[in-house]
N, C-alpha and C. Protein backbone atom coordinates (compact mmCIF):
# COMPACT_ATOMS: atom_id res chain seq x y z
N MET A 1 93.39 99.09 68.66
CA MET A 1 93.06 98.13 68.56
C MET A 1 92.07 98.55 70.08
N ASN A 2 90.90 98.30 70.46
CA ASN A 2 90.73 98.59 71.76
C ASN A 2 90.80 98.37 72.83
N ASN A 3 90.60 99.00 73.92
CA ASN A 3 90.79 97.89 75.45
C ASN A 3 90.07 97.02 75.93
N THR A 4 90.59 96.11 76.09
CA THR A 4 89.69 95.52 76.41
C THR A 4 89.70 93.89 77.67
N VAL A 5 88.75 93.59 78.15
CA VAL A 5 88.70 92.95 79.79
C VAL A 5 88.32 91.47 79.66
N GLU A 6 88.86 90.47 79.99
CA GLU A 6 87.99 89.42 80.28
C GLU A 6 88.73 89.12 81.57
N LEU A 7 87.41 88.34 82.06
CA LEU A 7 87.02 87.69 83.58
C LEU A 7 87.63 86.25 82.99
N ILE A 8 88.81 85.96 84.25
CA ILE A 8 88.91 84.85 84.47
C ILE A 8 88.96 84.18 85.57
N GLY A 9 88.76 84.48 86.61
CA GLY A 9 88.52 83.62 87.76
C GLY A 9 87.46 84.40 88.94
N VAL A 10 87.02 84.35 89.16
CA VAL A 10 85.92 84.32 90.53
C VAL A 10 85.98 83.22 91.40
N TYR A 11 86.67 83.67 92.95
CA TYR A 11 86.17 83.38 94.17
C TYR A 11 85.15 83.80 95.23
N GLY A 12 84.50 83.03 95.92
CA GLY A 12 83.87 83.58 96.51
C GLY A 12 82.19 84.11 96.12
N SER A 13 81.36 84.60 96.74
CA SER A 13 79.87 84.90 96.20
C SER A 13 79.23 85.92 97.63
N ASP A 14 78.00 85.80 97.39
CA ASP A 14 77.23 86.65 98.82
C ASP A 14 77.14 85.54 100.03
N GLU A 15 77.36 84.58 99.58
CA GLU A 15 76.89 83.58 100.85
C GLU A 15 78.21 83.68 101.71
N LEU A 16 79.42 83.16 100.82
CA LEU A 16 80.22 83.37 101.80
C LEU A 16 81.12 84.39 102.11
N ILE A 17 80.81 86.23 101.54
CA ILE A 17 80.85 87.21 102.47
C ILE A 17 80.20 86.85 103.74
N ALA A 18 79.12 86.34 103.53
CA ALA A 18 78.11 86.51 104.49
C ALA A 18 78.58 85.55 105.57
N CYS A 19 78.83 84.60 105.31
CA CYS A 19 79.18 83.38 106.04
C CYS A 19 80.31 84.09 107.14
N SER A 20 81.26 84.56 105.97
CA SER A 20 82.21 85.29 107.11
C SER A 20 82.22 86.30 108.16
N ALA A 21 80.74 87.14 107.94
CA ALA A 21 80.53 88.20 108.47
C ALA A 21 80.01 87.06 110.02
N TRP A 22 79.15 85.95 109.64
CA TRP A 22 78.60 85.66 110.56
C TRP A 22 78.83 84.65 111.24
N THR A 23 80.84 84.52 111.12
CA THR A 23 81.55 83.88 112.06
C THR A 23 81.72 84.14 113.21
N SER A 24 81.36 85.45 113.78
CA SER A 24 81.03 85.90 115.11
C SER A 24 79.97 85.17 115.69
N THR A 25 79.23 84.76 115.27
CA THR A 25 78.23 83.86 116.23
C THR A 25 77.41 83.00 115.39
N SER A 26 77.37 82.30 114.64
CA SER A 26 77.06 81.15 114.02
C SER A 26 76.79 81.21 112.24
N ARG A 27 77.83 80.36 111.51
CA ARG A 27 78.70 79.80 109.90
C ARG A 27 77.07 78.96 109.85
N GLU A 28 76.17 78.49 110.36
CA GLU A 28 75.48 77.65 109.83
C GLU A 28 74.35 77.99 109.45
N LEU A 29 73.88 77.64 108.19
CA LEU A 29 73.36 78.62 106.81
C LEU A 29 71.60 77.42 107.06
N THR A 30 70.82 78.27 107.08
CA THR A 30 69.37 78.05 106.69
C THR A 30 68.26 79.19 106.11
N GLU A 31 67.22 78.29 105.62
CA GLU A 31 66.93 79.30 104.52
C GLU A 31 66.61 80.25 104.74
N GLU A 32 66.06 80.84 106.36
CA GLU A 32 66.00 81.30 106.62
C GLU A 32 66.80 82.68 107.02
N LYS A 33 67.59 82.17 107.04
CA LYS A 33 69.74 82.93 106.79
C LYS A 33 69.85 83.19 105.59
N ARG A 34 69.59 82.51 104.63
CA ARG A 34 69.87 82.71 103.31
C ARG A 34 69.17 84.12 102.63
N ALA A 35 68.15 84.02 103.03
CA ALA A 35 66.85 85.10 102.79
C ALA A 35 67.31 86.07 103.29
N ARG A 36 68.11 86.45 103.90
CA ARG A 36 68.69 87.37 104.95
C ARG A 36 69.81 88.14 104.78
N ILE A 37 69.94 87.44 103.91
CA ILE A 37 71.85 87.80 103.20
C ILE A 37 71.86 89.09 102.01
N PRO A 38 70.50 89.27 101.51
CA PRO A 38 70.75 90.51 100.81
C PRO A 38 70.92 92.12 101.77
N LYS A 39 69.95 91.93 102.92
CA LYS A 39 69.50 93.01 103.90
C LYS A 39 71.17 93.11 104.89
N LEU A 40 71.69 91.69 105.09
CA LEU A 40 73.01 92.00 105.60
C LEU A 40 74.08 92.76 105.01
N LEU A 41 74.22 92.08 103.85
CA LEU A 41 75.16 93.07 102.59
C LEU A 41 75.43 94.16 103.07
N LYS A 42 74.14 94.60 102.45
CA LYS A 42 73.75 96.36 102.79
C LYS A 42 73.95 96.85 104.07
N ASP A 43 73.69 96.25 105.35
CA ASP A 43 74.03 96.57 106.28
C ASP A 43 74.86 97.19 106.77
N LEU A 44 76.25 95.32 106.69
CA LEU A 44 77.56 95.93 106.65
C LEU A 44 78.20 96.64 105.58
N TRP A 45 77.84 97.32 104.42
CA TRP A 45 78.06 98.30 103.92
C TRP A 45 78.46 99.29 104.24
N ASN A 46 77.12 99.53 104.88
CA ASN A 46 76.28 101.04 104.90
C ASN A 46 76.83 101.48 106.02
N ASN A 47 76.87 100.55 107.30
CA ASN A 47 77.61 101.06 108.21
C ASN A 47 79.19 100.38 108.37
N GLY A 48 79.82 100.58 107.53
CA GLY A 48 81.40 100.07 107.26
C GLY A 48 82.18 98.91 107.93
N HIS A 49 81.07 97.78 107.66
CA HIS A 49 82.02 96.70 108.19
C HIS A 49 82.49 96.01 106.74
N GLU A 50 83.46 96.44 106.21
CA GLU A 50 84.00 95.93 104.94
C GLU A 50 84.94 94.85 105.40
N THR A 51 85.46 94.55 105.73
CA THR A 51 86.05 93.61 106.24
C THR A 51 85.75 91.96 105.20
N PRO A 52 84.69 91.46 105.51
CA PRO A 52 84.31 90.26 105.15
C PRO A 52 83.63 90.11 103.50
N PHE A 53 83.77 91.70 103.51
CA PHE A 53 83.87 91.65 101.38
C PHE A 53 85.29 91.27 101.17
N GLU A 54 86.53 91.50 101.90
CA GLU A 54 87.73 90.60 101.53
C GLU A 54 87.78 89.42 101.47
N LYS A 55 86.92 88.63 101.39
CA LYS A 55 86.78 86.85 101.57
C LYS A 55 86.47 87.00 99.69
N GLY A 56 86.07 87.55 99.01
CA GLY A 56 85.59 87.64 97.23
C GLY A 56 86.23 87.67 96.32
N ILE A 57 86.89 87.34 95.57
CA ILE A 57 88.04 87.69 94.46
C ILE A 57 87.69 88.01 93.57
N VAL A 58 87.44 88.48 92.08
CA VAL A 58 87.61 88.95 91.11
C VAL A 58 88.89 88.56 90.40
N HIS A 59 89.24 88.09 89.27
CA HIS A 59 90.54 88.24 88.83
C HIS A 59 90.35 88.08 86.97
N PHE A 60 91.47 89.30 86.54
CA PHE A 60 90.62 90.10 85.20
C PHE A 60 92.45 89.95 84.63
N LEU A 61 91.91 88.96 82.96
CA LEU A 61 93.31 89.75 82.36
C LEU A 61 92.79 91.16 81.59
N VAL A 62 93.33 92.66 81.58
CA VAL A 62 93.64 93.08 81.11
C VAL A 62 94.76 93.66 79.50
N ASP A 63 93.58 93.82 78.54
CA ASP A 63 94.06 94.96 77.35
C ASP A 63 94.69 95.86 77.33
N CYS A 64 95.34 96.94 77.81
CA CYS A 64 95.05 98.39 77.94
C CYS A 64 96.29 98.98 77.34
N ASP A 65 96.38 100.66 76.89
CA ASP A 65 97.11 101.04 76.91
C ASP A 65 98.24 101.53 77.99
N ILE A 66 99.51 101.89 77.60
CA ILE A 66 100.26 102.10 79.31
C ILE A 66 99.51 103.09 79.97
N ALA A 67 98.66 104.56 79.18
CA ALA A 67 98.19 105.48 80.33
C ALA A 67 97.79 104.72 81.27
N SER A 68 96.71 104.00 80.56
CA SER A 68 95.23 103.27 81.52
C SER A 68 96.13 102.45 82.65
N HIS A 69 96.73 101.68 82.01
CA HIS A 69 97.53 100.35 82.86
C HIS A 69 98.44 101.54 84.09
N ILE A 70 98.86 102.08 84.28
CA ILE A 70 99.58 103.34 85.65
C ILE A 70 98.20 103.58 85.90
N HIS A 71 96.99 104.35 85.77
CA HIS A 71 95.68 104.28 86.26
C HIS A 71 95.28 103.07 87.50
N LEU A 72 95.98 101.50 86.83
CA LEU A 72 95.21 100.54 87.14
C LEU A 72 96.18 100.24 89.00
N LEU A 73 98.06 100.61 87.98
CA LEU A 73 98.91 100.62 89.20
C LEU A 73 98.97 101.66 90.48
N LYS A 74 98.00 102.47 90.55
CA LYS A 74 97.83 103.15 91.43
C LYS A 74 96.93 102.51 92.49
N HIS A 75 96.35 101.76 91.99
CA HIS A 75 95.24 100.65 92.90
C HIS A 75 96.01 99.63 94.01
N ARG A 76 96.59 100.51 94.90
CA ARG A 76 97.97 98.99 95.32
C ARG A 76 97.43 98.06 95.93
N ILE A 77 96.03 97.86 96.52
CA ILE A 77 95.01 97.22 97.07
C ILE A 77 94.81 96.16 95.97
N SER A 78 95.10 96.14 94.74
CA SER A 78 94.92 95.11 93.93
C SER A 78 96.03 94.69 94.09
N SER A 79 95.70 93.70 93.32
CA SER A 79 97.53 92.64 92.81
C SER A 79 97.43 92.48 91.33
N LEU A 80 98.57 92.45 90.72
CA LEU A 80 98.95 93.07 89.69
C LEU A 80 100.49 92.47 89.12
N ASN A 81 99.69 92.01 88.14
CA ASN A 81 101.88 92.48 87.19
C ASN A 81 101.03 91.64 85.45
N ALA A 82 102.18 92.77 85.01
CA ALA A 82 101.36 92.84 83.58
C ALA A 82 103.26 92.59 82.90
N GLU A 83 102.37 92.61 81.49
CA GLU A 83 103.48 92.54 80.97
C GLU A 83 104.80 93.85 80.69
N SER A 84 106.30 92.69 80.33
CA SER A 84 107.12 93.71 80.47
C SER A 84 108.09 93.93 79.34
N ALA A 85 107.93 95.43 78.86
CA ALA A 85 109.53 95.33 77.68
C ALA A 85 110.77 95.63 77.67
N ARG A 86 111.03 95.18 79.80
CA ARG A 86 111.96 95.62 79.75
C ARG A 86 112.91 93.31 80.02
N TYR A 87 111.91 92.38 79.94
CA TYR A 87 112.00 91.15 80.25
C TYR A 87 112.25 90.08 78.22
N LYS A 88 110.98 91.28 77.48
CA LYS A 88 111.12 91.22 76.38
C LYS A 88 111.04 92.01 74.93
N GLU A 89 111.08 91.58 74.10
CA GLU A 89 111.04 92.57 72.55
C GLU A 89 109.22 92.29 72.84
N LEU A 90 108.59 93.91 72.66
CA LEU A 90 107.26 93.74 72.26
C LEU A 90 106.48 93.28 71.09
N LYS A 91 106.90 92.00 70.09
CA LYS A 91 106.32 91.90 69.07
C LYS A 91 105.28 92.66 67.82
N GLU A 92 104.12 92.33 68.95
CA GLU A 92 103.00 92.80 68.54
C GLU A 92 102.94 93.91 68.28
N ASP A 93 103.31 95.12 68.67
CA ASP A 93 102.46 96.56 68.51
C ASP A 93 101.15 96.33 68.60
N LYS A 94 101.16 96.29 69.43
CA LYS A 94 99.37 96.94 69.63
C LYS A 94 99.66 97.73 70.51
N TYR A 95 98.32 98.70 69.40
CA TYR A 95 98.30 100.28 70.10
C TYR A 95 97.00 100.94 69.58
N TYR A 96 96.29 102.00 70.89
CA TYR A 96 95.86 102.29 70.87
C TYR A 96 95.23 103.79 70.72
N ILE A 97 94.11 103.93 70.22
CA ILE A 97 93.42 105.20 69.78
C ILE A 97 92.44 106.13 69.84
N PRO A 98 92.26 107.57 70.64
CA PRO A 98 90.85 107.23 71.55
C PRO A 98 90.14 107.92 70.09
N GLU A 99 89.25 107.18 69.98
CA GLU A 99 87.99 107.26 69.33
C GLU A 99 87.94 108.76 69.03
N ASP A 100 88.11 109.71 70.04
CA ASP A 100 87.61 111.29 69.68
C ASP A 100 88.70 111.77 69.07
N PHE A 101 90.16 111.11 68.81
CA PHE A 101 91.11 112.28 67.96
C PHE A 101 90.45 111.98 66.25
N TYR A 102 90.04 111.15 66.35
CA TYR A 102 89.04 110.79 64.36
C TYR A 102 88.75 112.19 64.44
N ASN A 103 88.42 112.97 65.74
CA ASN A 103 86.66 113.49 65.09
C ASN A 103 87.66 115.32 65.59
N CYS A 104 89.16 115.42 65.64
CA CYS A 104 89.67 116.50 65.56
C CYS A 104 89.99 116.39 64.72
N GLU A 105 89.32 117.80 63.84
CA GLU A 105 91.05 117.93 62.39
C GLU A 105 91.94 119.02 63.30
N VAL A 106 93.07 118.59 62.19
CA VAL A 106 94.07 119.03 62.13
C VAL A 106 94.16 120.48 61.92
N ASP A 107 94.89 121.60 62.36
CA ASP A 107 94.65 123.18 61.83
C ASP A 107 96.64 123.32 61.35
N PHE A 108 96.82 123.05 60.07
CA PHE A 108 97.83 122.64 59.18
C PHE A 108 98.22 124.29 59.76
N VAL A 109 97.69 125.56 59.65
CA VAL A 109 98.33 126.63 59.43
C VAL A 109 98.95 126.71 60.60
N LYS A 110 98.47 126.43 61.97
CA LYS A 110 98.76 126.63 63.50
C LYS A 110 99.72 125.51 63.11
N HIS A 111 99.48 124.39 62.97
CA HIS A 111 101.20 123.35 63.14
C HIS A 111 102.15 122.90 61.84
N ASN A 112 101.79 124.21 60.96
CA ASN A 112 102.64 123.54 59.61
C ASN A 112 104.65 123.65 60.15
N GLU A 113 105.03 124.51 61.26
CA GLU A 113 106.35 124.41 61.75
C GLU A 113 106.63 122.86 61.77
N TRP A 114 105.80 121.66 62.15
CA TRP A 114 106.46 120.33 62.65
C TRP A 114 106.03 119.81 61.51
N THR A 115 105.67 120.25 60.57
CA THR A 115 105.84 119.41 59.02
C THR A 115 105.16 118.24 59.27
N ILE A 116 103.66 118.29 59.49
CA ILE A 116 102.74 117.46 59.83
C ILE A 116 102.22 117.03 58.24
N PRO A 117 101.93 115.53 57.57
CA PRO A 117 101.79 115.85 56.51
C PRO A 117 100.82 116.13 56.33
N GLU A 118 100.18 116.81 55.00
CA GLU A 118 98.49 117.26 55.13
C GLU A 118 97.77 115.66 54.41
N ARG A 119 98.51 114.50 54.40
CA ARG A 119 97.13 113.80 54.41
C ARG A 119 96.67 113.47 55.12
N HIS A 120 97.28 114.06 56.54
CA HIS A 120 96.67 113.89 57.83
C HIS A 120 95.02 114.77 58.44
N GLY A 121 94.18 113.83 58.04
CA GLY A 121 93.38 115.17 57.93
C GLY A 121 92.43 115.41 59.29
N ASN A 122 93.07 114.86 60.61
CA ASN A 122 93.10 114.29 62.41
C ASN A 122 93.84 114.70 62.39
N TRP A 123 93.67 114.29 64.00
CA TRP A 123 94.65 113.34 65.12
C TRP A 123 94.66 112.54 65.15
N GLY A 124 93.92 111.26 64.83
CA GLY A 124 93.86 110.15 65.52
C GLY A 124 94.93 109.74 64.23
N GLU A 125 94.71 110.06 62.91
CA GLU A 125 95.21 109.80 62.19
C GLU A 125 97.07 110.19 61.79
N VAL A 126 97.57 111.63 62.70
CA VAL A 126 98.20 111.76 62.98
C VAL A 126 98.89 110.70 64.12
N LEU A 127 98.78 110.66 64.93
CA LEU A 127 99.09 109.88 66.42
C LEU A 127 98.94 108.09 65.74
N GLU A 128 97.87 107.91 64.83
CA GLU A 128 98.85 106.25 64.29
C GLU A 128 99.90 106.06 63.26
N ASP A 129 100.18 107.59 62.61
CA ASP A 129 101.22 107.54 61.96
C ASP A 129 102.63 108.16 63.25
N HIS A 130 102.41 108.50 64.12
CA HIS A 130 102.97 108.68 64.80
C HIS A 130 103.72 107.02 65.84
N THR A 131 102.40 106.58 66.10
CA THR A 131 103.05 105.60 66.55
C THR A 131 103.59 104.50 66.41
N LYS A 132 102.67 104.09 64.94
CA LYS A 132 103.79 102.86 63.78
C LYS A 132 105.43 103.48 64.06
N ILE A 133 105.48 105.22 62.94
CA ILE A 133 107.22 105.21 63.73
C ILE A 133 107.36 104.82 64.68
N SER A 134 107.60 105.12 65.48
CA SER A 134 108.11 104.94 67.36
C SER A 134 108.34 103.41 67.14
N ASN A 135 107.52 102.53 66.76
CA ASN A 135 107.25 100.85 67.25
C ASN A 135 108.80 100.53 65.96
N TRP A 136 108.61 101.63 65.18
CA TRP A 136 109.90 101.10 63.90
C TRP A 136 110.82 101.02 64.91
N LEU A 137 111.31 102.19 64.81
CA LEU A 137 112.30 102.97 66.02
C LEU A 137 112.41 102.05 66.68
N TYR A 138 111.56 101.58 67.62
CA TYR A 138 111.12 100.84 68.53
C TYR A 138 112.50 99.38 68.17
N HIS A 139 112.39 98.62 67.35
CA HIS A 139 112.55 97.39 66.81
C HIS A 139 114.01 97.66 66.30
N GLU A 140 114.61 98.93 65.07
CA GLU A 140 115.95 99.00 64.84
C GLU A 140 116.99 99.25 66.06
N CYS A 141 116.33 100.46 66.87
CA CYS A 141 117.01 100.74 68.28
C CYS A 141 118.11 99.58 68.61
N LEU A 142 116.50 98.57 69.33
CA LEU A 142 117.13 97.38 69.91
C LEU A 142 117.89 96.45 69.24
N LYS A 143 117.32 96.20 67.80
CA LYS A 143 118.91 95.38 66.81
C LYS A 143 120.32 95.91 67.25
N ASP A 144 119.94 96.94 67.03
CA ASP A 144 121.86 98.13 67.15
C ASP A 144 122.02 98.15 68.61
N MET A 145 121.07 98.55 69.42
CA MET A 145 121.74 98.38 70.64
C MET A 145 121.69 96.83 71.21
N GLU A 146 121.90 95.73 70.78
CA GLU A 146 121.81 94.40 71.10
C GLU A 146 123.92 94.13 70.21
N LYS A 147 123.67 94.63 69.37
CA LYS A 147 125.02 94.37 68.72
C LYS A 147 126.04 95.06 69.73
N GLN A 148 126.04 96.00 70.18
CA GLN A 148 127.22 97.09 70.76
C GLN A 148 126.86 96.28 72.27
N TYR A 149 125.01 96.41 73.31
CA TYR A 149 125.62 96.23 74.84
C TYR A 149 124.83 94.93 75.05
N GLY A 150 123.91 94.32 74.23
CA GLY A 150 123.72 92.93 74.44
C GLY A 150 122.52 93.16 74.71
N ARG A 151 121.34 92.17 74.37
CA ARG A 151 120.09 92.13 74.96
C ARG A 151 119.36 92.54 75.87
N LYS A 152 119.68 92.13 76.69
CA LYS A 152 119.88 93.05 78.23
C LYS A 152 119.61 94.33 78.25
N ARG A 153 120.62 94.92 77.89
CA ARG A 153 120.51 96.32 78.42
C ARG A 153 119.46 96.68 76.71
N ALA A 154 119.84 96.69 75.92
CA ALA A 154 118.83 96.77 74.35
C ALA A 154 117.32 96.43 74.72
N LYS A 155 116.47 95.76 75.54
CA LYS A 155 115.34 95.77 75.60
C LYS A 155 115.27 96.48 76.75
N GLU A 156 116.18 96.83 77.61
CA GLU A 156 116.14 98.22 78.77
C GLU A 156 115.43 99.57 78.07
N THR A 157 116.41 99.23 77.43
CA THR A 157 116.04 101.41 76.91
C THR A 157 115.82 101.13 75.13
N ALA A 158 115.40 100.08 74.50
CA ALA A 158 114.59 100.33 73.51
C ALA A 158 113.59 100.68 73.19
N ARG A 159 112.95 99.94 74.54
CA ARG A 159 111.10 100.86 75.01
C ARG A 159 111.05 101.94 75.27
N TYR A 160 112.39 103.38 75.33
CA TYR A 160 111.94 104.58 75.71
C TYR A 160 110.96 105.25 74.04
N PHE A 161 111.16 104.39 73.21
CA PHE A 161 110.28 104.43 71.82
C PHE A 161 108.95 104.26 72.14
N LYS A 162 108.67 103.58 73.35
CA LYS A 162 107.42 103.30 72.85
C LYS A 162 106.51 104.14 73.47
N THR A 163 105.40 104.22 72.71
CA THR A 163 104.46 106.09 73.16
C THR A 163 103.74 105.44 74.58
N TYR A 164 102.92 106.21 74.85
CA TYR A 164 102.15 105.68 76.27
C TYR A 164 100.21 105.47 75.54
N ASN A 165 100.34 105.51 74.43
CA ASN A 165 99.11 104.63 74.22
C ASN A 165 99.63 103.00 73.34
N SER A 166 100.65 102.48 73.64
CA SER A 166 101.31 101.36 73.20
C SER A 166 100.44 100.26 74.37
N GLN A 167 99.87 99.22 73.81
CA GLN A 167 99.09 98.34 74.34
C GLN A 167 99.82 96.91 75.47
N ILE A 168 99.54 96.93 76.84
CA ILE A 168 100.08 95.71 77.49
C ILE A 168 98.98 94.78 77.96
N GLN A 169 98.86 93.87 78.27
CA GLN A 169 98.76 93.19 78.83
C GLN A 169 99.04 92.16 80.01
N SER A 170 97.66 93.05 81.25
CA SER A 170 97.66 92.93 82.89
C SER A 170 97.08 91.77 83.29
N ASP A 171 97.82 91.22 84.49
CA ASP A 171 96.76 89.99 85.47
C ASP A 171 96.33 90.75 86.30
N LEU A 172 95.28 90.66 86.84
CA LEU A 172 94.49 91.88 87.80
C LEU A 172 93.29 91.33 88.09
N SER A 173 94.08 91.13 90.06
CA SER A 173 92.71 90.48 90.56
C SER A 173 92.62 91.63 91.84
N PHE A 174 91.06 91.99 92.56
CA PHE A 174 90.86 92.48 93.51
C PHE A 174 89.98 91.62 94.43
N ASN A 175 90.45 92.27 96.09
CA ASN A 175 88.84 91.27 96.21
C ASN A 175 88.02 92.06 96.51
N MET A 176 86.54 91.87 97.12
CA MET A 176 85.51 92.48 96.43
C MET A 176 85.80 93.80 97.63
N ARG A 177 86.43 94.04 98.08
CA ARG A 177 86.39 95.16 98.68
C ARG A 177 86.67 96.36 98.33
N SER A 178 88.39 95.83 97.78
CA SER A 178 89.42 97.08 96.99
C SER A 178 88.51 97.30 95.70
N PHE A 179 87.91 96.28 95.22
CA PHE A 179 86.96 96.15 93.86
C PHE A 179 85.96 97.22 93.61
N ALA A 180 85.62 97.75 94.64
CA ALA A 180 84.42 98.86 95.01
C ALA A 180 85.31 100.38 94.90
N ASN A 181 86.66 100.11 95.43
CA ASN A 181 86.81 101.59 95.60
C ASN A 181 87.45 101.12 94.57
N PHE A 182 87.84 100.78 93.90
CA PHE A 182 88.11 100.59 92.21
C PHE A 182 86.31 101.67 91.30
N LEU A 183 85.69 101.28 91.50
CA LEU A 183 85.22 101.19 91.37
C LEU A 183 84.24 102.54 91.30
N LYS A 184 84.62 103.13 92.47
CA LYS A 184 83.90 104.32 92.76
C LYS A 184 84.96 105.36 92.20
N LEU A 185 86.41 105.02 92.22
CA LEU A 185 87.56 106.16 91.68
C LEU A 185 87.28 106.32 89.53
N ARG A 186 87.46 104.65 89.17
CA ARG A 186 87.22 105.08 88.30
C ARG A 186 86.33 104.50 87.44
N TYR A 187 84.79 104.04 87.47
CA TYR A 187 83.54 104.11 86.78
C TYR A 187 82.73 104.94 87.86
N SER A 188 83.72 106.63 86.73
CA SER A 188 83.15 107.58 87.55
C SER A 188 83.49 108.88 86.20
N ASP A 189 81.90 109.95 86.21
CA ASP A 189 82.08 110.94 84.91
C ASP A 189 83.32 111.48 85.60
N HIS A 190 83.27 111.37 86.43
CA HIS A 190 85.20 112.59 86.93
C HIS A 190 86.30 111.67 86.48
N ALA A 191 86.67 110.48 85.99
CA ALA A 191 87.65 109.80 85.60
C ALA A 191 88.13 109.31 84.35
N GLN A 192 89.23 109.20 83.58
CA GLN A 192 89.63 109.07 82.22
C GLN A 192 88.63 108.59 81.68
N SER A 193 88.27 108.59 80.42
CA SER A 193 87.41 107.94 79.54
C SER A 193 87.82 106.37 79.52
N GLU A 194 88.69 106.51 79.25
CA GLU A 194 89.46 104.54 78.79
C GLU A 194 89.54 104.31 79.87
N ILE A 195 90.03 104.28 81.46
CA ILE A 195 89.98 103.52 82.36
C ILE A 195 88.07 103.41 82.90
N GLU A 196 88.01 104.33 82.48
CA GLU A 196 86.34 104.60 83.14
C GLU A 196 85.65 102.97 82.57
N ASP A 197 85.66 103.04 81.22
CA ASP A 197 85.88 102.01 80.08
C ASP A 197 85.93 100.45 80.54
N ILE A 198 86.66 100.73 81.59
CA ILE A 198 87.83 99.02 81.53
C ILE A 198 86.92 99.06 82.84
N ALA A 199 86.54 99.84 83.89
CA ALA A 199 85.91 99.31 84.81
C ALA A 199 84.48 99.13 84.91
N ARG A 200 84.08 99.97 83.98
CA ARG A 200 82.48 99.58 83.06
C ARG A 200 82.40 97.89 83.02
N GLN A 201 83.58 97.72 82.14
CA GLN A 201 83.91 96.03 81.59
C GLN A 201 83.82 94.95 83.02
N MET A 202 84.72 95.53 83.29
CA MET A 202 84.56 94.64 84.70
C MET A 202 83.36 94.56 85.42
N LEU A 203 82.95 95.35 85.20
CA LEU A 203 80.87 95.41 86.24
C LEU A 203 79.91 94.01 85.30
N VAL A 204 80.40 94.75 83.99
CA VAL A 204 79.66 94.02 83.42
C VAL A 204 79.46 92.77 83.64
N TYR A 205 81.03 91.87 83.43
CA TYR A 205 81.67 90.67 83.47
C TYR A 205 80.99 90.30 84.70
N VAL A 206 81.21 90.72 86.00
CA VAL A 206 81.38 90.20 87.09
C VAL A 206 79.78 90.49 87.59
N LYS A 207 78.59 91.76 87.17
CA LYS A 207 76.91 90.85 87.38
C LYS A 207 77.26 90.10 86.78
N GLN A 208 76.60 89.93 85.28
CA GLN A 208 77.22 88.14 84.16
C GLN A 208 77.17 86.87 85.32
N THR A 209 77.91 86.70 86.33
CA THR A 209 78.26 85.50 87.04
C THR A 209 77.77 85.33 88.08
N LEU A 210 76.83 86.46 88.92
CA LEU A 210 75.37 86.17 89.75
C LEU A 210 76.11 85.92 91.23
N LYS A 211 77.38 85.58 91.25
CA LYS A 211 77.51 85.37 92.48
C LYS A 211 78.19 86.28 93.31
N PHE A 212 77.64 87.85 93.09
CA PHE A 212 77.98 88.80 93.60
C PHE A 212 76.62 89.72 93.82
N GLU A 213 75.60 89.04 92.94
CA GLU A 213 74.68 89.98 93.09
C GLU A 213 74.43 90.74 94.12
N TYR A 214 74.58 90.54 95.68
CA TYR A 214 73.67 91.31 96.56
C TYR A 214 74.84 92.78 96.66
N THR A 215 76.26 91.70 96.31
CA THR A 215 77.27 92.77 97.17
C THR A 215 77.51 93.68 96.30
N LEU A 216 76.83 93.66 94.87
CA LEU A 216 76.69 94.94 94.18
C LEU A 216 75.81 95.60 94.53
N LYS A 217 75.12 95.54 95.14
CA LYS A 217 73.54 95.84 95.17
C LYS A 217 73.82 97.30 96.05
N ALA A 218 74.27 96.51 97.33
CA ALA A 218 74.43 96.54 98.45
C ALA A 218 75.77 98.35 97.68
N TRP A 219 76.60 98.05 97.15
CA TRP A 219 77.20 99.30 96.54
C TRP A 219 76.72 100.23 95.61
N GLY A 220 74.87 100.00 95.08
CA GLY A 220 74.74 100.52 94.58
C GLY A 220 74.33 100.39 92.77
N TYR A 221 74.75 99.29 92.67
CA TYR A 221 75.49 98.68 91.16
C TYR A 221 73.86 97.63 91.19
């Protein structure tokens, strides 16, 4: 399965951010002041006056592999809650295989000591098979552990069979100041391709709302 993003909520707008900045003088909006919003937001951002941008919030559901989920967790200025194998059995067995794995052939001469089946012509097929075996072991271990140690302990420990490419769902929100930081670090050629794609999907959805059109332009998007 591909990693996916769903935009489930937006709070605020360019106008709300501008009004927050204008609180120090007058929040009263006129057509003349509305026309100044694009320049105001650009000037605020370029001059490091970033606090008003915290008044806008974007809220997502993200289904992604655990490796990418760890990238999301590193953004402590976001708010994140995620599906947990500690509290429930992950019965869907969702997983992600990077597309480029299927383009990388297995060197059987080099790797035959690991007895990789020759039916696998590429590393994508190997990872797919490995993941299915790990998922089967996860469920079987959970059943046996539950008999001996109880359901709680079984869920806590059987998850060690889950691979980094297992997918979980996260409920994630950013204020617009922290969203800018996320895009800067993750919507980048220097980022891992999976998290870069997640950031790209988020940006596309936020652009489509038109709520933060001038905020995004102020950031260069």
